[in-house]
Amino acid sequence: MSHTCDSALPLNSTLQTGRCEYVRQNCSNSSIIGAFCPKCDSSGNYLPQQCSGSTGYCWCVDVNSGKMISNTTTPPGTPLDCGE
């Protein structure tokens, strides 16, 4: 069974901090080894480019939902333009 840090988000908490910041706070408190914690902007939204600290792979996401944009995953060291 797959576990993610953003399952069952309370609506009132996401309105106060932004969805990304809420997910990040919960992920930081997670005991899951290798769990991905997203990068957020100052408004609590997702940064357009996200990268895995453990694999080095990067990808583009929708800044509001954090959902990965298809066909944007790149291996370590490969430039990625997410329209920032």
C-alpha atoms as a PDB file:
ATOM      1  CA  MET A   1       0.000   0.000   0.000  1.00  0.00           C
ATOM      2  CA  SER A   2       1.369   3.401  -0.976  1.00  0.00           C
ATOM      3  CA  HIS A   3       1.454   6.236   1.556  1.00  0.00           C
ATOM      4  CA  THR A   4       1.664   9.911   0.703  1.00  0.00           C
ATOM      5  CA  CYS A   5       1.904  12.913   2.932  1.00  0.00           C
ATOM      6  CA  ASP A   6      -1.108  14.657   1.414  1.00  0.00           C
ATOM      7  CA  SER A   7      -3.826  12.081   2.048  1.00  0.00           C
ATOM      8  CA  ALA A   8      -6.836  13.364   3.988  1.00  0.00           C
ATOM      9  CA  LEU A   9      -6.027  17.068   4.116  1.00  0.00           C
ATOM     10  CA  PRO A  10      -8.378  19.078   6.342  1.00  0.00           C
ATOM     11  CA  LEU A  11      -9.782  21.929   4.263  1.00  0.00           C
ATOM     12  CA  ASN A  12      -9.474  24.572   6.989  1.00  0.00           C
ATOM     13  CA  SER A  13      -5.752  23.874   7.457  1.00  0.00           C
ATOM     14  CA  THR A  14      -4.987  24.166   3.747  1.00  0.00           C
ATOM     15  CA  LEU A  15      -6.769  27.518   3.560  1.00  0.00           C
ATOM     16  CA  GLN A  16      -4.605  28.945   6.345  1.00  0.00           C
ATOM     17  CA  THR A  17      -1.198  27.749   5.127  1.00  0.00           C
ATOM     18  CA  GLY A  18      -1.567  26.747   1.478  1.00  0.00           C
ATOM     19  CA  ARG A  19      -1.748  23.149   0.338  1.00  0.00           C
ATOM     20  CA  CYS A  20       1.986  22.724  -0.256  1.00  0.00           C
ATOM     21  CA  GLU A  21       2.999  24.129   3.110  1.00  0.00           C
ATOM     22  CA  TYR A  22       0.455  21.910   4.873  1.00  0.00           C
ATOM     23  CA  VAL A  23       1.773  18.805   3.065  1.00  0.00           C
ATOM     24  CA  ARG A  24       5.371  19.833   3.775  1.00  0.00           C
ATOM     25  CA  GLN A  25       4.732  20.289   7.499  1.00  0.00           C
ATOM     26  CA  ASN A  26       3.116  16.861   7.768  1.00  0.00           C
ATOM     27  CA  CYS A  27       5.807  15.242   5.639  1.00  0.00           C
ATOM     28  CA  SER A  28       8.556  16.738   7.796  1.00  0.00           C
ATOM     29  CA  ASN A  29       6.926  15.122  10.827  1.00  0.00           C
ATOM     30  CA  SER A  30       6.651  11.752   9.041  1.00  0.00           C
ATOM     31  CA  SER A  31       8.723   8.781  10.110  1.00  0.00           C
ATOM     32  CA  ILE A  32       8.640   7.322   6.579  1.00  0.00           C
ATOM     33  CA  ILE A  33      12.236   6.991   5.368  1.00  0.00           C
ATOM     34  CA  GLY A  34      12.754   8.591   1.960  1.00  0.00           C
ATOM     35  CA  ALA A  35       9.376  10.351   1.988  1.00  0.00           C
ATOM     36  CA  PHE A  36       9.221  13.169  -0.567  1.00  0.00           C
ATOM     37  CA  CYS A  37       8.618  16.600   0.954  1.00  0.00           C
ATOM     38  CA  PRO A  38       7.648  19.258  -1.611  1.00  0.00           C
ATOM     39  CA  LYS A  39       9.253  22.680  -2.010  1.00  0.00           C
ATOM     40  CA  CYS A  40       6.855  25.599  -1.448  1.00  0.00           C
ATOM     41  CA  ASP A  41       6.836  29.319  -2.227  1.00  0.00           C
ATOM     42  CA  SER A  42       6.208  32.060   0.340  1.00  0.00           C
ATOM     43  CA  SER A  43       2.439  31.821  -0.266  1.00  0.00           C
ATOM     44  CA  GLY A  44       2.339  28.111   0.557  1.00  0.00           C
ATOM     45  CA  ASN A  45       1.924  27.016  -3.075  1.00  0.00           C
ATOM     46  CA  TYR A  46       4.097  24.454  -4.838  1.00  0.00           C
ATOM     47  CA  LEU A  47       7.233  25.586  -6.653  1.00  0.00           C
ATOM     48  CA  PRO A  48       6.915  24.658 -10.365  1.00  0.00           C
ATOM     49  CA  GLN A  49       9.987  22.389 -10.222  1.00  0.00           C
ATOM     50  CA  GLN A  50      10.212  19.638  -7.629  1.00  0.00           C
ATOM     51  CA  CYS A  51      13.188  17.308  -7.134  1.00  0.00           C
ATOM     52  CA  SER A  52      13.775  14.154  -5.152  1.00  0.00           C
ATOM     53  CA  GLY A  53      16.633  14.539  -2.721  1.00  0.00           C
ATOM     54  CA  SER A  54      17.260  10.800  -2.728  1.00  0.00           C
ATOM     55  CA  THR A  55      17.240  10.116  -6.501  1.00  0.00           C
ATOM     56  CA  GLY A  56      18.090  13.518  -7.993  1.00  0.00           C
ATOM     57  CA  TYR A  57      15.234  13.252 -10.487  1.00  0.00           C
ATOM     58  CA  CYS A  58      13.232  16.461 -11.074  1.00  0.00           C
ATOM     59  CA  TRP A  59       9.807  17.147 -12.592  1.00  0.00           C
ATOM     60  CA  CYS A  60       7.330  19.970 -13.161  1.00  0.00           C
ATOM     61  CA  VAL A  61       4.120  20.283 -11.153  1.00  0.00           C
ATOM     62  CA  ASP A  62       0.926  22.307 -11.181  1.00  0.00           C
ATOM     63  CA  VAL A  63       1.660  25.071  -8.640  1.00  0.00           C
ATOM     64  CA  ASN A  64      -1.819  24.852  -7.096  1.00  0.00           C
ATOM     65  CA  SER A  65      -2.344  21.105  -6.818  1.00  0.00           C
ATOM     66  CA  GLY A  66       1.227  19.785  -6.759  1.00  0.00           C
ATOM     67  CA  LYS A  67       0.282  17.170  -9.367  1.00  0.00           C
ATOM     68  CA  MET A  68       3.137  16.095 -11.616  1.00  0.00           C
ATOM     69  CA  ILE A  69       2.900  17.320 -15.219  1.00  0.00           C
ATOM     70  CA  SER A  70       3.191  14.377 -17.622  1.00  0.00           C
ATOM     71  CA  ASN A  71       6.460  13.753 -19.454  1.00  0.00           C
ATOM     72  CA  THR A  72       8.515  16.259 -17.433  1.00  0.00           C
ATOM     73  CA  THR A  73      10.581  13.893 -15.281  1.00  0.00           C
ATOM     74  CA  THR A  74      14.309  14.323 -15.885  1.00  0.00           C
ATOM     75  CA  PRO A  75      17.339  12.421 -14.566  1.00  0.00           C
ATOM     76  CA  PRO A  76      19.921  14.076 -12.312  1.00  0.00           C
ATOM     77  CA  GLY A  77      21.919  16.875 -13.946  1.00  0.00           C
ATOM     78  CA  THR A  78      19.463  17.395 -16.814  1.00  0.00           C
ATOM     79  CA  PRO A  79      18.185  20.981 -17.221  1.00  0.00           C
ATOM     80  CA  LEU A  80      14.436  21.361 -16.743  1.00  0.00           C
ATOM     81  CA  ASP A  81      12.326  24.393 -17.672  1.00  0.00           C
ATOM     82  CA  CYS A  82       8.993  24.453 -15.864  1.00  0.00           C
ATOM     83  CA  GLY A  83       8.165  27.978 -17.015  1.00  0.00           C
ATOM     84  CA  GLU A  84       9.328  29.597 -13.784  1.00  0.00           C
END
